[in-house]
N, C-alpha and C. Protein backbone atom coordinates (compact mmCIF):
# COMPACT_ATOMS: atom_id res chain seq x y z
N MET A 1 17.37 -50.95 -92.53
CA MET A 1 17.92 -51.42 -91.71
C MET A 1 18.57 -52.87 -91.50
N ILE A 2 20.58 -52.48 -91.02
CA ILE A 2 20.71 -54.18 -90.94
C ILE A 2 19.95 -55.04 -90.24
N GLU A 3 19.10 -54.24 -88.91
CA GLU A 3 19.16 -55.59 -88.32
C GLU A 3 17.53 -56.50 -88.49
N LYS A 4 17.15 -55.54 -89.87
CA LYS A 4 15.95 -56.22 -89.87
C LYS A 4 15.59 -56.78 -91.32
N THR A 5 16.87 -56.84 -91.96
CA THR A 5 17.77 -57.81 -93.04
C THR A 5 17.74 -59.15 -92.91
N GLU A 6 17.25 -60.31 -93.30
CA GLU A 6 17.82 -61.58 -92.73
C GLU A 6 19.41 -61.95 -93.20
N PHE A 7 19.44 -62.68 -93.00
CA PHE A 7 21.37 -63.09 -92.89
C PHE A 7 21.55 -64.57 -92.22
N LEU A 8 22.49 -65.30 -93.82
CA LEU A 8 22.73 -66.62 -92.74
C LEU A 8 23.95 -66.45 -91.02
N PRO A 9 23.51 -67.33 -90.95
CA PRO A 9 24.59 -67.34 -89.68
C PRO A 9 25.67 -67.82 -90.26
N PHE A 10 26.78 -67.48 -90.18
CA PHE A 10 28.20 -67.59 -90.31
C PHE A 10 28.69 -69.08 -90.13
N HIS A 11 28.43 -69.97 -89.62
CA HIS A 11 28.18 -71.00 -89.90
C HIS A 11 28.01 -72.07 -90.21
N ALA A 12 26.34 -71.19 -91.84
CA ALA A 12 25.86 -71.81 -92.48
C ALA A 12 27.25 -71.81 -93.52
N ILE A 13 27.78 -71.19 -93.55
CA ILE A 13 28.89 -71.34 -94.95
C ILE A 13 29.71 -73.12 -94.14
N ASN A 14 29.58 -73.84 -93.64
CA ASN A 14 29.84 -75.04 -93.84
C ASN A 14 28.77 -76.07 -94.83
N GLU A 15 28.25 -75.63 -95.26
CA GLU A 15 27.00 -76.25 -96.39
C GLU A 15 27.68 -76.11 -97.85
N PHE A 16 28.85 -75.17 -97.71
CA PHE A 16 29.12 -74.53 -99.09
C PHE A 16 30.81 -75.65 -98.80
N MET A 17 31.33 -75.74 -98.01
CA MET A 17 32.84 -76.67 -97.89
C MET A 17 32.70 -78.22 -97.76
N ARG A 18 33.46 -78.32 -98.72
CA ARG A 18 33.85 -80.22 -98.36
C ARG A 18 34.54 -80.19 -96.64
N PRO A 19 34.72 -81.07 -96.32
CA PRO A 19 35.40 -81.51 -94.34
C PRO A 19 36.67 -81.22 -94.51
N ASP A 20 37.29 -81.88 -95.79
CA ASP A 20 38.73 -82.13 -96.05
C ASP A 20 38.99 -80.57 -96.29
N PHE A 21 38.23 -79.15 -96.53
CA PHE A 21 38.24 -78.68 -96.53
C PHE A 21 38.40 -77.59 -95.82
N ARG A 22 37.18 -77.90 -94.97
CA ARG A 22 37.15 -77.12 -93.50
C ARG A 22 38.22 -77.38 -92.74
N MET A 23 38.68 -79.25 -92.65
CA MET A 23 39.77 -79.31 -91.67
C MET A 23 41.35 -78.50 -92.37
N SER A 24 41.40 -78.41 -92.99
CA SER A 24 42.46 -77.51 -93.61
C SER A 24 42.62 -76.45 -94.00
N VAL A 25 41.20 -75.61 -93.64
CA VAL A 25 41.58 -74.30 -93.05
C VAL A 25 41.95 -74.28 -91.28
N ILE A 26 41.55 -74.77 -90.90
CA ILE A 26 41.35 -74.92 -89.78
C ILE A 26 42.46 -75.13 -89.28
N ARG A 27 43.21 -76.46 -89.50
CA ARG A 27 44.53 -76.31 -89.49
C ARG A 27 45.44 -75.07 -89.08
N GLU A 28 45.40 -74.70 -90.74
CA GLU A 28 46.75 -73.60 -91.47
C GLU A 28 46.34 -72.89 -90.89
N THR A 29 45.10 -72.20 -90.39
CA THR A 29 44.85 -71.09 -90.39
C THR A 29 45.69 -71.26 -88.11
N LEU A 30 44.87 -72.12 -87.49
CA LEU A 30 46.32 -72.13 -86.02
C LEU A 30 47.41 -72.52 -86.38
N MET A 31 48.43 -72.87 -87.21
CA MET A 31 49.41 -72.97 -87.47
C MET A 31 50.17 -71.73 -88.02
N LYS A 32 49.77 -70.67 -88.14
CA LYS A 32 49.72 -70.07 -88.22
C LYS A 32 49.04 -68.37 -87.14
N LEU A 33 49.19 -68.72 -86.15
CA LEU A 33 48.08 -68.11 -85.59
C LEU A 33 49.20 -67.50 -84.28
N PRO A 34 49.69 -68.00 -84.00
CA PRO A 34 51.36 -67.02 -83.10
C PRO A 34 51.57 -65.77 -83.96
N ASN A 35 51.77 -66.41 -85.49
CA ASN A 35 52.13 -64.99 -86.01
C ASN A 35 51.71 -64.09 -86.37
N LEU A 36 49.89 -63.89 -85.96
CA LEU A 36 49.18 -63.19 -85.74
C LEU A 36 49.05 -61.88 -85.16
N PRO A 37 48.56 -60.60 -85.58
CA PRO A 37 48.33 -59.67 -84.66
C PRO A 37 47.87 -60.80 -82.65
N ASP A 38 47.44 -59.61 -82.15
CA ASP A 38 47.32 -60.42 -80.58
C ASP A 38 45.57 -60.18 -80.45
N ILE A 39 44.84 -59.79 -81.66
CA ILE A 39 43.34 -59.25 -81.85
C ILE A 39 42.70 -60.59 -81.92
N TYR A 40 44.12 -61.73 -83.19
CA TYR A 40 43.53 -62.54 -83.81
C TYR A 40 43.69 -64.08 -82.33
N ILE A 41 44.56 -64.24 -82.17
CA ILE A 41 44.98 -65.25 -81.13
C ILE A 41 43.74 -65.03 -79.61
N ASN A 42 43.64 -64.03 -79.00
CA ASN A 42 43.13 -63.51 -77.80
C ASN A 42 41.66 -64.01 -77.88
N LYS A 43 41.27 -63.53 -79.38
CA LYS A 43 39.50 -64.14 -79.45
C LYS A 43 39.43 -66.06 -79.68
N ILE A 44 40.55 -66.11 -80.81
CA ILE A 44 40.47 -67.54 -80.48
C ILE A 44 40.79 -68.25 -79.74
N ASN A 45 41.63 -68.45 -78.68
CA ASN A 45 41.73 -68.48 -77.87
C ASN A 45 40.83 -68.53 -76.69
N HIS A 46 39.97 -67.26 -76.94
CA HIS A 46 38.50 -67.63 -75.71
C HIS A 46 38.11 -68.73 -76.65
N LEU A 47 37.44 -68.61 -77.53
CA LEU A 47 36.81 -69.46 -78.09
C LEU A 47 36.73 -70.69 -77.99
N THR A 48 37.94 -70.47 -78.24
CA THR A 48 38.25 -72.22 -77.92
C THR A 48 37.91 -72.77 -76.61
N ASN A 49 38.31 -71.86 -75.75
CA ASN A 49 38.38 -72.19 -74.32
C ASN A 49 36.75 -72.82 -73.92
N LYS A 50 35.64 -71.92 -74.66
CA LYS A 50 34.14 -71.71 -74.09
C LYS A 50 33.85 -72.81 -75.06
N TYR A 51 34.12 -73.34 -76.36
CA TYR A 51 33.35 -74.05 -77.29
C TYR A 51 33.90 -75.27 -77.42
N VAL A 52 35.01 -75.27 -77.29
CA VAL A 52 36.13 -76.12 -77.68
C VAL A 52 36.80 -77.08 -76.41
N LYS A 53 35.97 -79.15 -77.06
CA LYS A 53 36.48 -79.25 -75.80
C LYS A 53 37.29 -80.53 -76.38
N VAL A 54 38.83 -80.66 -75.81
CA VAL A 54 39.75 -81.31 -76.36
C VAL A 54 40.14 -82.26 -74.52
N PRO A 55 39.99 -83.74 -75.24
CA PRO A 55 39.87 -84.17 -74.09
C PRO A 55 41.38 -84.46 -73.55
N GLY A 56 41.10 -84.45 -71.95
CA GLY A 56 42.59 -84.55 -71.32
C GLY A 56 42.99 -82.39 -70.89
N PHE A 57 42.82 -81.96 -71.31
CA PHE A 57 42.76 -80.16 -71.20
C PHE A 57 41.84 -79.74 -70.40
N ARG A 58 42.12 -79.19 -69.43
CA ARG A 58 41.22 -78.16 -68.75
C ARG A 58 40.77 -77.33 -70.27
N HIS A 59 42.13 -76.24 -70.22
CA HIS A 59 41.92 -75.46 -70.94
C HIS A 59 42.41 -75.44 -72.47
N SER A 60 41.67 -75.62 -72.85
CA SER A 60 41.68 -76.38 -74.94
C SER A 60 43.03 -75.49 -75.63
N ASP A 61 43.10 -74.30 -75.56
CA ASP A 61 43.63 -73.54 -75.89
C ASP A 61 44.61 -73.45 -75.78
N LYS A 62 45.19 -74.77 -74.89
CA LYS A 62 46.75 -74.98 -74.39
C LYS A 62 47.39 -76.68 -75.33
N ALA A 63 46.35 -77.06 -75.58
CA ALA A 63 46.28 -77.93 -76.63
C ALA A 63 47.36 -77.79 -77.70
N PRO A 64 48.24 -79.03 -78.00
CA PRO A 64 48.96 -78.69 -79.33
C PRO A 64 47.80 -79.01 -80.49
N THR A 65 48.24 -77.62 -81.48
CA THR A 65 48.01 -77.14 -82.65
C THR A 65 46.85 -78.37 -82.95
N LEU A 66 47.78 -79.77 -83.54
CA LEU A 66 47.02 -80.69 -84.72
C LEU A 66 46.20 -82.02 -83.64
N VAL A 67 46.40 -81.18 -82.23
CA VAL A 67 45.61 -82.87 -81.59
C VAL A 67 44.01 -81.54 -81.55
N LYS A 68 43.95 -79.97 -81.75
CA LYS A 68 42.67 -79.49 -81.73
C LYS A 68 42.24 -79.44 -82.63
N VAL A 69 42.49 -79.46 -84.09
CA VAL A 69 41.77 -79.91 -84.99
C VAL A 69 40.45 -79.91 -85.51
N LEU A 70 40.69 -81.54 -84.90
CA LEU A 70 39.29 -82.13 -85.28
C LEU A 70 38.35 -82.09 -84.14
N PRO A 71 38.30 -81.49 -83.01
CA PRO A 71 37.79 -81.22 -81.93
C PRO A 71 36.98 -79.39 -82.39
N MET A 72 37.70 -78.91 -83.05
CA MET A 72 37.49 -77.24 -83.23
C MET A 72 36.59 -77.61 -84.48
N SER A 73 37.10 -78.48 -85.31
CA SER A 73 35.94 -78.34 -86.94
C SER A 73 35.09 -78.85 -86.56
N LYS A 74 34.93 -79.51 -85.57
CA LYS A 74 32.91 -80.65 -84.63
C LYS A 74 32.58 -78.99 -84.41
N ALA A 75 33.39 -78.17 -83.38
CA ALA A 75 32.36 -76.71 -82.94
C ALA A 75 32.45 -76.16 -83.97
N PHE A 76 33.27 -75.65 -85.64
CA PHE A 76 33.31 -75.52 -86.22
C PHE A 76 31.79 -75.33 -86.66
N GLU A 77 31.27 -76.42 -87.27
CA GLU A 77 30.07 -76.82 -87.45
C GLU A 77 29.34 -76.17 -86.86
N LYS A 78 28.78 -75.82 -85.63
CA LYS A 78 28.09 -74.84 -85.04
C LYS A 78 28.14 -73.98 -84.46
N ASN A 79 28.60 -73.47 -84.46
CA ASN A 79 29.25 -72.16 -84.16
C ASN A 79 29.69 -70.78 -84.62
N PRO A 80 29.06 -70.40 -84.56
CA PRO A 80 28.71 -68.63 -85.50
C PRO A 80 30.49 -68.24 -85.12
N ASP A 81 30.09 -67.62 -83.99
CA ASP A 81 31.54 -66.56 -83.69
C ASP A 81 33.06 -67.51 -83.89
N LEU A 82 32.93 -68.71 -83.72
CA LEU A 82 34.18 -69.53 -84.26
C LEU A 82 34.11 -69.68 -85.52
N VAL A 83 32.90 -69.63 -86.08
CA VAL A 83 33.61 -69.65 -87.41
C VAL A 83 33.93 -68.70 -88.16
N ALA A 84 33.26 -67.18 -87.72
CA ALA A 84 33.85 -65.78 -88.05
C ALA A 84 35.32 -65.58 -87.65
N ALA A 85 35.83 -65.86 -86.55
CA ALA A 85 37.23 -65.52 -85.83
C ALA A 85 37.84 -66.61 -86.42
N ILE A 86 37.56 -67.78 -86.50
CA ILE A 86 38.22 -68.30 -87.92
C ILE A 86 38.97 -67.95 -89.29
N LEU A 87 37.68 -67.54 -89.71
CA LEU A 87 37.56 -67.02 -91.16
C LEU A 87 38.38 -66.11 -90.85
N ALA A 88 38.13 -64.91 -89.91
CA ALA A 88 39.02 -63.25 -89.65
C ALA A 88 40.35 -63.86 -89.50
N ALA A 89 41.15 -65.09 -89.05
CA ALA A 89 42.50 -64.66 -88.78
C ALA A 89 42.81 -65.92 -90.23
N TRP A 90 41.80 -66.78 -90.93
CA TRP A 90 42.80 -67.52 -92.24
C TRP A 90 42.75 -65.57 -92.85
N ALA A 91 41.27 -65.35 -93.15
CA ALA A 91 42.41 -64.10 -93.86
C ALA A 91 43.17 -62.76 -93.93
N GLU A 92 43.67 -63.21 -92.47
CA GLU A 92 44.99 -62.00 -92.17
C GLU A 92 46.21 -62.87 -92.46
N ALA A 93 45.85 -64.12 -92.74
CA ALA A 93 46.91 -64.69 -92.59
C ALA A 93 46.92 -64.71 -94.17
N HIS A 94 46.91 -64.58 -94.32
CA HIS A 94 46.17 -64.73 -96.54
C HIS A 94 46.28 -63.11 -96.79
N SER A 95 47.09 -62.47 -96.13
CA SER A 95 46.84 -61.20 -96.55
C SER A 95 47.10 -60.09 -98.09
N GLU A 96 48.26 -61.39 -98.78
CA GLU A 96 48.80 -61.25 -100.33
C GLU A 96 47.03 -61.44 -101.03
N LEU A 97 46.84 -63.09 -101.00
CA LEU A 97 45.08 -63.25 -101.41
C LEU A 97 44.55 -62.29 -101.58
N ARG A 98 44.58 -61.63 -100.09
CA ARG A 98 43.07 -60.56 -99.66
C ARG A 98 43.06 -59.82 -100.82
N ILE A 99 44.17 -59.57 -100.64
CA ILE A 99 44.51 -57.94 -101.48
C ILE A 99 44.62 -58.12 -103.32
N GLN A 100 44.94 -59.67 -103.41
CA GLN A 100 44.62 -59.97 -104.97
C GLN A 100 43.27 -59.85 -105.06
N VAL A 101 42.31 -60.65 -104.71
CA VAL A 101 40.67 -60.89 -104.90
C VAL A 101 40.03 -60.34 -104.49
N TYR A 102 40.57 -59.08 -103.91
CA TYR A 102 39.76 -58.10 -103.73
C TYR A 102 40.34 -56.84 -104.81
N GLY A 103 41.25 -57.30 -105.15
CA GLY A 103 41.49 -56.15 -106.52
C GLY A 103 40.40 -56.67 -107.73
N LEU A 104 40.94 -58.23 -107.83
CA LEU A 104 40.16 -58.90 -109.57
C LEU A 104 38.61 -58.34 -108.75
N LEU A 105 37.86 -57.99 -107.71
CA LEU A 105 36.53 -58.06 -107.86
C LEU A 105 36.36 -56.69 -107.97
N GLN A 106 36.97 -55.55 -107.52
CA GLN A 106 36.71 -54.31 -108.14
C GLN A 106 36.84 -54.44 -109.41
N THR A 107 37.42 -55.40 -110.25
CA THR A 107 36.73 -55.25 -111.87
C THR A 107 36.01 -56.63 -112.90
N ARG A 108 35.63 -56.48 -111.67
CA ARG A 108 34.32 -57.09 -112.10
C ARG A 108 32.98 -56.27 -112.09
N ASN A 109 31.51 -57.22 -112.17
CA ASN A 109 29.97 -56.29 -111.76
C ASN A 109 30.46 -56.45 -110.28
N TRP A 110 31.05 -55.87 -109.41
CA TRP A 110 30.94 -55.97 -107.82
C TRP A 110 30.74 -54.41 -107.54
N ILE A 111 29.91 -53.97 -106.64
CA ILE A 111 28.96 -52.65 -105.75
C ILE A 111 30.65 -52.53 -104.69
N ILE A 112 31.25 -51.78 -104.63
CA ILE A 112 32.51 -51.93 -103.59
C ILE A 112 31.84 -50.65 -102.60
N TYR A 113 31.86 -50.56 -101.17
CA TYR A 113 32.13 -49.46 -100.59
C TYR A 113 33.09 -48.52 -101.20
N PRO A 114 32.57 -47.11 -100.57
CA PRO A 114 34.07 -46.46 -100.87
C PRO A 114 35.57 -46.78 -100.18
N ASN A 115 36.37 -46.14 -100.10
CA ASN A 115 37.25 -46.96 -99.73
C ASN A 115 37.45 -45.68 -98.32
N THR A 116 37.31 -44.83 -99.05
CA THR A 116 37.12 -43.51 -98.50
C THR A 116 36.33 -42.91 -97.35
N GLU A 117 35.23 -44.10 -97.23
CA GLU A 117 34.21 -43.97 -95.92
C GLU A 117 33.94 -45.10 -95.08
N GLU A 118 34.83 -44.68 -93.48
CA GLU A 118 33.84 -45.84 -92.53
C GLU A 118 32.55 -45.91 -92.80
N PRO A 119 32.46 -47.23 -92.88
CA PRO A 119 30.90 -47.65 -92.91
C PRO A 119 30.32 -47.52 -92.09
N ASP A 120 29.18 -46.73 -91.72
CA ASP A 120 28.70 -47.09 -90.29
C ASP A 120 27.35 -48.17 -90.58
N LEU A 121 28.16 -49.47 -90.53
CA LEU A 121 27.64 -50.99 -90.08
C LEU A 121 26.52 -50.75 -89.52
N ALA A 122 25.85 -50.17 -88.63
CA ALA A 122 24.12 -50.40 -87.52
C ALA A 122 23.46 -49.31 -88.73
N SER A 123 23.85 -48.28 -89.24
CA SER A 123 22.47 -47.47 -89.62
C SER A 123 22.96 -47.75 -91.76
N LEU A 124 23.06 -48.85 -91.95
CA LEU A 124 23.75 -49.08 -93.93
C LEU A 124 21.61 -48.51 -94.03
N SER A 125 21.12 -47.81 -94.77
CA SER A 125 20.32 -47.75 -95.91
C SER A 125 19.57 -48.74 -96.21
N SER A 126 18.63 -48.94 -96.40
CA SER A 126 17.77 -50.65 -97.22
C SER A 126 18.42 -50.40 -98.55
N ASP A 127 18.65 -49.02 -99.70
CA ASP A 127 19.04 -50.04 -100.54
C ASP A 127 20.43 -50.10 -100.48
N ALA A 128 21.51 -49.30 -99.32
CA ALA A 128 22.46 -49.96 -98.87
C ALA A 128 22.91 -51.55 -98.90
N ILE A 129 21.69 -51.38 -98.11
CA ILE A 129 21.49 -53.40 -98.32
C ILE A 129 20.93 -53.94 -99.23
N LYS A 130 20.21 -54.16 -99.91
CA LYS A 130 19.75 -53.98 -100.92
C LYS A 130 21.08 -54.80 -102.11
N ASP A 131 21.74 -53.77 -101.76
CA ASP A 131 22.95 -54.02 -102.64
C ASP A 131 24.08 -54.77 -102.43
N TRP A 132 24.08 -54.81 -100.99
CA TRP A 132 25.16 -55.69 -100.28
C TRP A 132 26.70 -55.41 -100.97
N PRO A 133 27.07 -53.65 -100.51
CA PRO A 133 28.54 -53.43 -100.96
C PRO A 133 29.67 -54.47 -100.88
N ILE A 134 30.43 -54.55 -101.49
CA ILE A 134 31.91 -55.60 -100.74
C ILE A 134 32.50 -54.11 -100.14
N PHE A 135 32.81 -54.30 -98.40
CA PHE A 135 33.38 -53.36 -97.89
C PHE A 135 34.97 -53.50 -97.93
N PRO A 136 35.83 -52.08 -97.47
CA PRO A 136 36.80 -52.16 -97.52
C PRO A 136 37.16 -53.32 -97.11
N ILE A 137 39.19 -54.04 -97.27
CA ILE A 137 39.42 -54.85 -96.45
C ILE A 137 39.58 -54.22 -95.42
N HIS A 138 39.99 -53.11 -94.38
CA HIS A 138 40.43 -52.97 -93.10
C HIS A 138 38.99 -53.66 -92.16
N VAL A 139 37.99 -53.52 -92.74
CA VAL A 139 36.02 -53.36 -92.28
C VAL A 139 36.06 -55.16 -91.20
N ASP A 140 35.90 -55.08 -89.51
CA ASP A 140 36.04 -56.09 -88.87
C ASP A 140 34.45 -56.97 -89.13
N ARG A 141 34.45 -57.90 -90.41
CA ARG A 141 33.94 -58.68 -91.12
C ARG A 141 32.96 -59.59 -90.15
N THR A 142 33.79 -59.52 -88.35
CA THR A 142 32.65 -60.53 -87.61
C THR A 142 31.86 -59.34 -86.67
N ASN A 143 32.24 -58.79 -87.00
CA ASN A 143 31.36 -57.75 -86.50
C ASN A 143 29.72 -58.00 -87.47
N LEU A 144 29.33 -58.21 -88.31
CA LEU A 144 28.39 -58.61 -89.60
C LEU A 144 27.42 -59.24 -88.60
N PRO A 145 26.18 -59.14 -89.25
CA PRO A 145 25.60 -60.65 -89.00
C PRO A 145 25.06 -61.86 -89.26
N GLY A 146 26.61 -62.11 -90.23
CA GLY A 146 26.45 -63.04 -90.95
C GLY A 146 26.55 -62.96 -92.84
N PHE A 147 26.58 -63.61 -93.18
CA PHE A 147 26.76 -63.85 -94.27
C PHE A 147 25.26 -63.18 -95.31
N PHE A 148 25.63 -62.31 -96.31
CA PHE A 148 23.97 -62.25 -97.37
C PHE A 148 23.88 -63.38 -98.20
N PRO A 149 22.22 -63.28 -97.64
CA PRO A 149 22.62 -64.68 -98.97
C PRO A 149 22.05 -64.77 -100.66
N HIS A 150 22.61 -63.61 -101.35
CA HIS A 150 22.01 -63.62 -102.28
C HIS A 150 23.55 -63.49 -102.86
N TRP A 151 23.39 -64.00 -104.59
CA TRP A 151 25.07 -64.10 -104.75
C TRP A 151 24.15 -64.03 -106.41
N PRO A 152 25.77 -62.70 -106.45
CA PRO A 152 24.60 -61.95 -108.62
C PRO A 152 25.27 -63.34 -109.23
N LYS A 153 24.37 -62.96 -110.06
CA LYS A 153 23.33 -63.72 -111.21
C LYS A 153 25.05 -63.77 -112.56
N GLY A 154 25.48 -64.79 -113.03
CA GLY A 154 26.79 -64.57 -113.91
C GLY A 154 27.85 -65.11 -113.04
N GLU A 155 28.16 -64.68 -112.13
CA GLU A 155 29.25 -65.21 -111.52
C GLU A 155 29.40 -66.16 -110.09
N ASN A 156 30.37 -67.50 -110.74
CA ASN A 156 30.57 -68.76 -110.15
C ASN A 156 31.89 -68.90 -109.62
N PHE A 157 32.18 -69.25 -108.79
CA PHE A 157 33.55 -69.91 -108.10
C PHE A 157 34.45 -70.12 -109.86
N GLU A 158 34.48 -71.07 -110.86
CA GLU A 158 35.22 -71.61 -111.80
C GLU A 158 35.38 -70.32 -112.63
N THR A 159 34.76 -69.40 -113.36
CA THR A 159 35.20 -68.02 -113.82
C THR A 159 35.75 -66.77 -113.28
N LEU A 160 34.93 -66.72 -111.77
CA LEU A 160 35.86 -65.79 -110.57
C LEU A 160 37.87 -66.80 -110.64
N TYR A 161 37.85 -67.61 -110.33
CA TYR A 161 39.17 -68.60 -110.29
C TYR A 161 39.96 -68.52 -111.52
N THR A 162 38.75 -68.68 -113.03
CA THR A 162 39.69 -68.80 -114.12
C THR A 162 40.54 -67.15 -114.41
N SER A 163 39.16 -66.19 -113.57
CA SER A 163 40.22 -64.33 -113.97
C SER A 163 41.59 -64.52 -112.80
N TYR A 164 40.93 -64.67 -111.95
CA TYR A 164 41.66 -64.56 -111.14
C TYR A 164 43.33 -65.18 -111.57
N SER A 165 43.56 -66.40 -112.41
CA SER A 165 44.97 -67.18 -112.80
C SER A 165 45.13 -66.26 -113.88
N GLU A 166 44.83 -65.80 -114.58
CA GLU A 166 44.91 -65.15 -115.49
C GLU A 166 45.27 -63.66 -115.23
N ARG A 167 44.73 -63.18 -114.05
CA ARG A 167 45.45 -61.89 -113.79
C ARG A 167 46.75 -62.03 -112.25
N TYR A 168 46.84 -63.14 -111.95
CA TYR A 168 48.05 -63.38 -111.10
C TYR A 168 47.75 -64.56 -110.88
N PRO A 169 49.10 -65.05 -112.25
CA PRO A 169 49.78 -66.46 -113.28
C PRO A 169 50.76 -66.64 -111.77
N GLU A 170 51.36 -65.73 -111.06
CA GLU A 170 52.11 -66.51 -110.42
C GLU A 170 51.98 -66.70 -109.51
N SER A 171 50.32 -66.82 -108.94
CA SER A 171 50.12 -67.05 -108.07
C SER A 171 50.11 -68.92 -107.60
N ASP A 172 50.14 -69.12 -106.00
CA ASP A 172 49.93 -70.99 -106.18
C ASP A 172 48.32 -71.03 -105.38
N ALA A 173 47.37 -69.64 -105.47
CA ALA A 173 46.35 -70.48 -104.86
C ALA A 173 45.17 -71.20 -105.78
N GLY A 174 44.96 -72.25 -105.18
CA GLY A 174 44.16 -72.76 -105.80
C GLY A 174 42.37 -72.07 -105.47
N ILE A 175 41.69 -72.96 -106.29
CA ILE A 175 40.72 -72.47 -106.49
C ILE A 175 39.62 -72.56 -105.49
N ASP A 176 40.23 -73.74 -104.20
CA ASP A 176 39.02 -73.26 -102.71
C ASP A 176 39.32 -72.07 -102.07
N LYS A 177 40.64 -72.38 -102.17
CA LYS A 177 41.10 -70.69 -101.08
C LYS A 177 40.46 -69.62 -101.76
N VAL A 178 40.56 -69.44 -102.89
CA VAL A 178 40.72 -67.76 -103.78
C VAL A 178 38.48 -67.86 -103.14
N SER A 179 38.19 -68.81 -103.32
CA SER A 179 36.37 -68.82 -103.69
C SER A 179 36.06 -68.21 -102.06
N LEU A 180 36.82 -69.35 -101.17
CA LEU A 180 36.67 -68.98 -99.51
C LEU A 180 36.57 -66.64 -99.24
N MET A 181 38.17 -67.25 -99.86
CA MET A 181 38.64 -65.76 -99.65
C MET A 181 37.62 -64.61 -100.64
N THR A 182 36.49 -65.10 -101.47
CA THR A 182 35.46 -64.49 -101.84
C THR A 182 34.63 -64.00 -101.05
N VAL A 183 34.58 -64.82 -100.85
CA VAL A 183 33.20 -65.69 -99.94
C VAL A 183 33.09 -64.31 -98.73
N TRP A 184 34.73 -64.82 -98.26
CA TRP A 184 34.85 -63.48 -97.40
C TRP A 184 35.02 -62.15 -97.11
N LEU A 185 35.36 -61.48 -98.21
CA LEU A 185 35.13 -60.25 -98.22
C LEU A 185 34.10 -59.83 -99.18
N THR A 186 33.00 -59.88 -99.92
CA THR A 186 31.94 -59.68 -100.33
C THR A 186 30.95 -60.39 -99.48
N MET A 187 31.06 -61.33 -97.72
CA MET A 187 30.46 -61.65 -97.28
C MET A 187 28.67 -61.82 -98.00
N ARG A 188 28.99 -63.09 -98.88
CA ARG A 188 28.06 -63.25 -99.09
C ARG A 188 28.22 -64.67 -99.62
N LEU A 189 27.03 -65.72 -99.89
CA LEU A 189 26.60 -66.46 -100.42
C LEU A 189 25.64 -67.45 -100.84
N PRO A 190 25.80 -68.60 -101.98
CA PRO A 190 25.80 -68.40 -103.04
C PRO A 190 24.23 -69.51 -103.04
N TYR A 191 23.70 -69.56 -102.28
CA TYR A 191 22.69 -69.54 -101.62
C TYR A 191 21.14 -68.81 -102.33
N GLN A 192 21.09 -67.77 -102.53
CA GLN A 192 19.63 -67.46 -103.66
C GLN A 192 20.76 -67.09 -105.00
N VAL A 193 20.19 -66.97 -105.79
CA VAL A 193 21.18 -66.63 -107.01
C VAL A 193 20.45 -65.39 -107.69
N ASP A 194 20.63 -64.25 -107.41
CA ASP A 194 19.64 -63.39 -107.94
C ASP A 194 19.47 -63.69 -109.96
N ASN A 195 18.37 -63.16 -110.14
CA ASN A 195 17.64 -63.49 -111.82
C ASN A 195 16.62 -62.40 -111.45
N GLY A 196 17.19 -61.49 -112.15
CA GLY A 196 16.19 -60.34 -112.38
C GLY A 196 15.05 -60.21 -111.21
N ASN A 197 14.14 -60.33 -111.25
CA ASN A 197 13.35 -60.28 -109.57
C ASN A 197 12.82 -61.61 -109.33
N ASN A 198 13.72 -62.08 -109.55
CA ASN A 198 13.19 -63.76 -109.29
C ASN A 198 14.40 -64.23 -108.70
N THR A 199 14.59 -65.55 -107.79
CA THR A 199 15.59 -65.74 -107.34
C THR A 199 15.77 -67.65 -107.27
N ASP A 200 17.01 -68.55 -107.94
CA ASP A 200 17.42 -69.35 -108.05
C ASP A 200 17.70 -70.05 -106.63
N ASN A 201 16.57 -70.39 -106.13
CA ASN A 201 17.21 -70.92 -104.05
C ASN A 201 17.68 -72.37 -104.49
N HIS A 202 19.07 -71.98 -104.08
CA HIS A 202 20.01 -73.24 -103.73
C HIS A 202 19.14 -74.80 -102.79
N ASP A 203 19.57 -75.92 -103.95
CA ASP A 203 19.08 -76.62 -103.08
C ASP A 203 19.82 -77.95 -102.33
N GLU A 204 19.22 -77.43 -101.16
CA GLU A 204 19.96 -77.52 -99.39
C GLU A 204 20.55 -79.43 -99.93
N ASN A 205 19.53 -80.24 -100.81
CA ASN A 205 20.08 -81.65 -101.14
C ASN A 205 20.86 -82.13 -102.17
N THR A 206 21.71 -80.98 -102.59
CA THR A 206 22.66 -81.03 -103.56
C THR A 206 23.87 -79.91 -102.82
N PRO A 207 24.99 -80.49 -102.62
CA PRO A 207 25.90 -79.53 -101.99
C PRO A 207 26.92 -78.66 -102.59
N VAL A 208 26.88 -76.96 -102.44
CA VAL A 208 27.85 -76.61 -103.56
C VAL A 208 28.98 -76.64 -103.38
N ASN A 209 30.28 -77.33 -102.95
CA ASN A 209 31.11 -77.04 -102.02
C ASN A 209 31.96 -75.45 -102.84
N LEU A 210 32.83 -74.80 -101.75
CA LEU A 210 33.72 -73.90 -102.76
C LEU A 210 34.32 -74.09 -103.19
N ASP A 211 34.67 -75.23 -104.09
CA ASP A 211 35.27 -75.34 -104.94
C ASP A 211 35.21 -75.12 -106.37
N LYS A 212 33.79 -75.18 -106.35
CA LYS A 212 33.05 -75.74 -108.49
C LYS A 212 32.47 -73.66 -108.74
């Protein structure tokens, strides 16, 4: 059962993000937020008022975008709900990249959950959780308990980006965005690299950025 599986909380992604890239993701998401569906706007505004403190503003969501970026970045480092909401909106704002990366992963050695079935996340079997498939694009990943801490051996962000660039040479998306979209779609962080029956644990003293 999914509730018995160990997941990393959403804000664990900060260990794998450079501070400047984190700020860029937040800034870009907030700039594009007014053009996204209301479900993203309402959730981020609610969480902004709840967790983000902007000096001089009683209601933090009313602060200008550029004024909110820094305090939101600080909250992003600590609050899993805010991280999930921001990343979901970021992925929605990059729908073409999301489709491209999903298509790329389908061509590689990743387990894909059937797009014809609606996953019942609460009752996934132990085998399904062990395999931790990539769920269809439309699945609301903010409802998941966090990131699966296992990463498949032989995959890394550099090789994925090389394959992405070869498959979509017209794209201007850099390795950092492709890597972040990969993490969000797979709902995995490379904390433990699978190696047969063993795992190589990520050394907490050696940061692994999403652009590596």
